[in-house]
Amino acid sequence: KGPHHKAERKDQKTTSVTESKLVWIQEGYFAFGRKGPEGLNVEQLAKNLKKSKSSFYYYFGDLELFQADLLAYHIERADEIACRGEKCTSMDPDVINLIVDTKDDLLFNKQLRLHFQDPLFKECFEQSFDRISGSFIDKWNLMIGLEPQSELGKLIFHLLVDNFFLQVTDDNLSYQWFHEYLKSLSSTIDKIKSVSKG
């Protein structure tokens, strides 16, 4: 198999990263999103890219530096996704389509959350998650029947994050799955609101 990165990545900011180095970062990003830190195997990455391991060490020195580049890349991606999120007008279909379209980034974030014991992963997750979710939290609030700037809606959203990451996978993430997931959440939230009023 060749490199896994998608065509949408061609508009990346590459001012400080050469194309040759970027392909390693994108391949590592894909691998980390599926297997976490265990996916960062130099031999396997080189095999996927049909490149020599010496090429990896030329660009990154070691896995620790490579991982730092992946985290920096993820923050850059989060900024780009947040810009797109701000242009969305609704959770369904706009935000759903955005998240499905940026699947690799979501799965990378999931692995960061699963490996919170690493302070670097925890910091990167919190930064990227805040930037991305902050771009569409108002649409979330409206979807569950709250005011756009509701702090309660934001709290509910944060409480549901771990549940979402436990359920979402590389195989099931699609518009239909996400649509049904949000529909179920909305129904549950409506029931809670109705009980609390009673």
Protein backbone atom coordinates (compact mmCIF):
# COMPACT_ATOMS: atom_id res chain seq x y z
CA LYS A 1 0.00 0.00 0.00
CA GLY A 2 1.13 3.51 -0.76
CA PRO A 3 0.76 6.65 1.33
CA HIS A 4 -2.64 7.01 3.01
CA HIS A 5 -2.99 10.78 3.03
CA LYS A 6 -5.88 12.24 1.09
CA ALA A 7 -5.97 14.77 -1.72
CA GLU A 8 -7.53 17.37 0.60
CA ARG A 9 -4.20 17.59 2.33
CA LYS A 10 -2.59 19.24 -0.70
CA ASP A 11 -3.63 22.65 0.56
CA GLN A 12 -1.54 22.21 3.69
CA LYS A 13 0.67 25.02 4.87
CA THR A 14 4.05 23.70 3.84
CA THR A 15 6.18 26.80 4.30
CA SER A 16 8.36 25.20 6.94
CA VAL A 17 8.05 21.58 5.82
CA THR A 18 9.37 20.18 2.56
CA GLU A 19 7.11 17.89 0.53
CA SER A 20 9.47 14.96 1.16
CA LYS A 21 9.23 15.47 4.92
CA LEU A 22 5.47 16.07 4.78
CA VAL A 23 4.74 12.63 3.33
CA TRP A 24 6.37 11.05 6.39
CA ILE A 25 4.31 13.25 8.71
CA GLN A 26 1.07 12.43 6.90
CA GLU A 27 1.81 8.71 6.92
CA GLY A 28 2.66 8.84 10.63
CA TYR A 29 -0.47 10.87 11.28
CA PHE A 30 -2.60 8.21 9.61
CA ALA A 31 -0.86 5.40 11.53
CA PHE A 32 -1.14 7.16 14.89
CA GLY A 33 -4.84 7.76 14.32
CA ARG A 34 -5.45 4.02 13.88
CA LYS A 35 -3.02 2.50 16.39
CA GLY A 36 -1.80 5.30 18.64
CA PRO A 37 1.90 5.55 19.55
CA GLU A 38 2.32 1.84 18.75
CA GLY A 39 1.60 2.68 15.11
CA LEU A 40 4.74 4.78 14.83
CA ASN A 41 6.98 2.01 13.60
CA VAL A 42 9.73 3.39 11.36
CA GLU A 43 10.14 0.17 9.41
CA GLN A 44 6.41 -0.09 8.65
CA LEU A 45 6.09 3.59 7.76
CA ALA A 46 9.05 3.28 5.40
CA LYS A 47 7.52 0.18 3.82
CA ASN A 48 4.18 1.97 3.29
CA LEU A 49 5.94 4.92 1.67
CA LYS A 50 8.41 2.75 -0.27
CA LYS A 51 11.26 4.76 1.24
CA SER A 52 14.35 3.83 3.21
CA LYS A 53 14.50 4.12 7.00
CA SER A 54 17.56 6.34 6.60
CA SER A 55 15.29 8.90 4.94
CA PHE A 56 13.20 9.01 8.12
CA TYR A 57 16.23 9.54 10.35
CA TYR A 58 17.56 12.20 7.99
CA TYR A 59 14.40 14.28 8.44
CA PHE A 60 13.52 13.57 12.07
CA GLY A 61 16.49 12.14 13.94
CA ASP A 62 14.38 9.90 16.16
CA LEU A 63 10.81 8.94 16.98
CA GLU A 64 10.53 11.50 19.77
CA LEU A 65 11.20 14.37 17.38
CA PHE A 66 8.89 12.80 14.80
CA GLN A 67 6.12 12.60 17.38
CA ALA A 68 6.64 16.29 18.24
CA ASP A 69 6.21 17.13 14.55
CA LEU A 70 3.00 15.08 14.44
CA LEU A 71 1.57 16.99 17.40
CA ALA A 72 2.48 20.33 15.81
CA TYR A 73 0.89 19.17 12.55
CA HIS A 74 -2.27 18.23 14.44
CA ILE A 75 -2.57 21.71 15.96
CA GLU A 76 -2.17 23.21 12.50
CA ARG A 77 -4.87 20.90 11.19
CA ALA A 78 -7.13 21.86 14.13
CA ASP A 79 -6.82 25.54 13.19
CA GLU A 80 -7.79 24.75 9.59
CA ILE A 81 -10.76 22.62 10.68
CA ALA A 82 -11.89 25.33 13.13
CA CYS A 83 -11.93 27.85 10.26
CA ARG A 84 -14.20 25.50 8.33
CA GLY A 85 -16.31 24.86 11.44
CA GLU A 86 -17.04 28.54 11.83
CA LYS A 87 -18.59 28.55 8.36
CA CYS A 88 -21.00 25.72 9.21
CA THR A 89 -24.60 26.78 9.76
CA SER A 90 -25.91 23.61 11.45
CA MET A 91 -24.74 20.44 13.20
CA ASP A 92 -26.62 18.28 10.72
CA PRO A 93 -25.54 18.11 7.97
CA ASP A 94 -22.75 20.76 8.00
CA VAL A 95 -20.70 19.82 11.07
CA ILE A 96 -21.28 16.10 10.51
CA ASN A 97 -19.95 16.38 6.96
CA LEU A 98 -16.96 18.37 8.17
CA ILE A 99 -16.04 15.77 10.78
CA VAL A 100 -16.50 12.86 8.37
CA ASP A 101 -14.38 14.75 5.83
CA THR A 102 -11.60 15.19 8.41
CA LYS A 103 -11.74 11.62 9.68
CA ASP A 104 -7.97 11.22 10.07
CA ASP A 105 -7.87 14.23 12.38
CA LEU A 106 -10.74 12.94 14.50
CA LEU A 107 -9.08 9.53 14.89
CA PHE A 108 -5.77 11.20 15.79
CA ASN A 109 -7.62 13.16 18.50
CA LYS A 110 -9.23 9.95 19.73
CA GLN A 111 -5.80 8.36 20.23
CA LEU A 112 -4.58 11.45 22.08
CA ARG A 113 -7.58 11.11 24.41
CA LEU A 114 -6.96 7.40 24.92
CA HIS A 115 -3.34 8.15 25.89
CA PHE A 116 -4.00 11.03 28.27
CA GLN A 117 -1.35 9.72 30.65
CA ASP A 118 1.24 11.33 28.38
CA PRO A 119 1.19 15.06 29.28
CA LEU A 120 2.17 16.07 25.73
CA PHE A 121 -0.77 14.14 24.30
CA LYS A 122 -3.10 15.61 26.92
CA GLU A 123 -2.00 19.16 26.13
CA CYS A 124 -2.30 18.63 22.38
CA PHE A 125 -5.75 17.08 22.74
CA GLU A 126 -7.04 19.93 24.88
CA GLN A 127 -5.71 22.58 22.50
CA SER A 128 -7.03 20.95 19.35
CA PHE A 129 -10.35 19.90 20.86
CA ASP A 130 -11.04 23.39 22.25
CA ARG A 131 -10.24 25.01 18.90
CA ILE A 132 -12.37 22.66 16.84
CA SER A 133 -15.36 22.29 19.18
CA GLY A 134 -15.34 26.02 19.89
CA SER A 135 -15.97 26.66 16.21
CA PHE A 136 -19.34 24.90 16.22
CA ILE A 137 -20.51 24.76 19.87
CA ASP A 138 -23.20 27.35 19.08
CA LYS A 139 -24.68 24.99 16.45
CA TRP A 140 -24.62 22.17 19.02
CA ASN A 141 -26.46 24.33 21.54
CA LEU A 142 -29.14 25.21 19.01
CA MET A 143 -29.54 21.54 18.05
CA ILE A 144 -30.33 20.58 21.67
CA GLY A 145 -32.68 23.53 22.12
CA LEU A 146 -30.47 25.93 24.06
CA GLU A 147 -29.23 29.45 23.42
CA PRO A 148 -26.15 29.61 21.13
CA GLN A 149 -23.80 30.72 23.93
CA SER A 150 -25.24 28.43 26.63
CA GLU A 151 -22.67 27.23 29.17
CA LEU A 152 -24.95 24.29 30.02
CA GLY A 153 -24.79 23.11 26.41
CA LYS A 154 -21.02 23.34 26.46
CA LEU A 155 -20.91 21.32 29.69
CA ILE A 156 -23.16 18.62 28.22
CA PHE A 157 -20.99 18.49 25.10
CA HIS A 158 -17.83 17.97 27.14
CA LEU A 159 -19.48 15.25 29.23
CA LEU A 160 -20.39 13.34 26.08
CA VAL A 161 -16.96 13.47 24.44
CA ASP A 162 -15.59 10.28 25.99
CA ASN A 163 -18.75 8.39 25.07
CA PHE A 164 -18.36 9.56 21.48
CA PHE A 165 -14.69 8.54 21.27
CA LEU A 166 -15.48 5.12 22.73
CA GLN A 167 -18.04 4.49 19.99
CA VAL A 168 -16.50 6.05 16.89
CA THR A 169 -14.12 3.92 14.82
CA ASP A 170 -12.37 4.04 11.48
CA ASP A 171 -14.96 1.61 10.13
CA ASN A 172 -18.19 3.17 11.38
CA LEU A 173 -17.55 6.91 10.94
CA SER A 174 -19.93 8.01 8.20
CA TYR A 175 -22.63 10.60 7.76
CA GLN A 176 -25.37 8.04 8.48
CA TRP A 177 -23.72 6.76 11.68
CA PHE A 178 -23.09 10.26 12.99
CA HIS A 179 -26.60 11.41 12.05
CA GLU A 180 -28.12 8.51 14.04
CA TYR A 181 -25.73 9.14 16.94
CA LEU A 182 -26.76 12.81 17.20
CA LYS A 183 -30.42 11.89 16.81
CA SER A 184 -30.12 9.49 19.75
CA LEU A 185 -28.30 12.09 21.87
CA SER A 186 -30.92 14.74 21.11
CA SER A 187 -33.70 12.34 22.11
CA THR A 188 -31.95 11.50 25.40
CA ILE A 189 -31.35 15.17 26.20
CA ASP A 190 -35.02 15.96 25.46
CA LYS A 191 -36.11 13.25 27.90
CA ILE A 192 -33.81 14.60 30.61
CA LYS A 193 -35.14 18.13 30.05
CA SER A 194 -38.73 16.89 30.22
CA VAL A 195 -38.10 14.98 33.48
CA SER A 196 -36.35 17.97 35.05
CA LYS A 197 -39.33 20.21 34.16
CA GLY A 198 -41.73 17.72 35.68
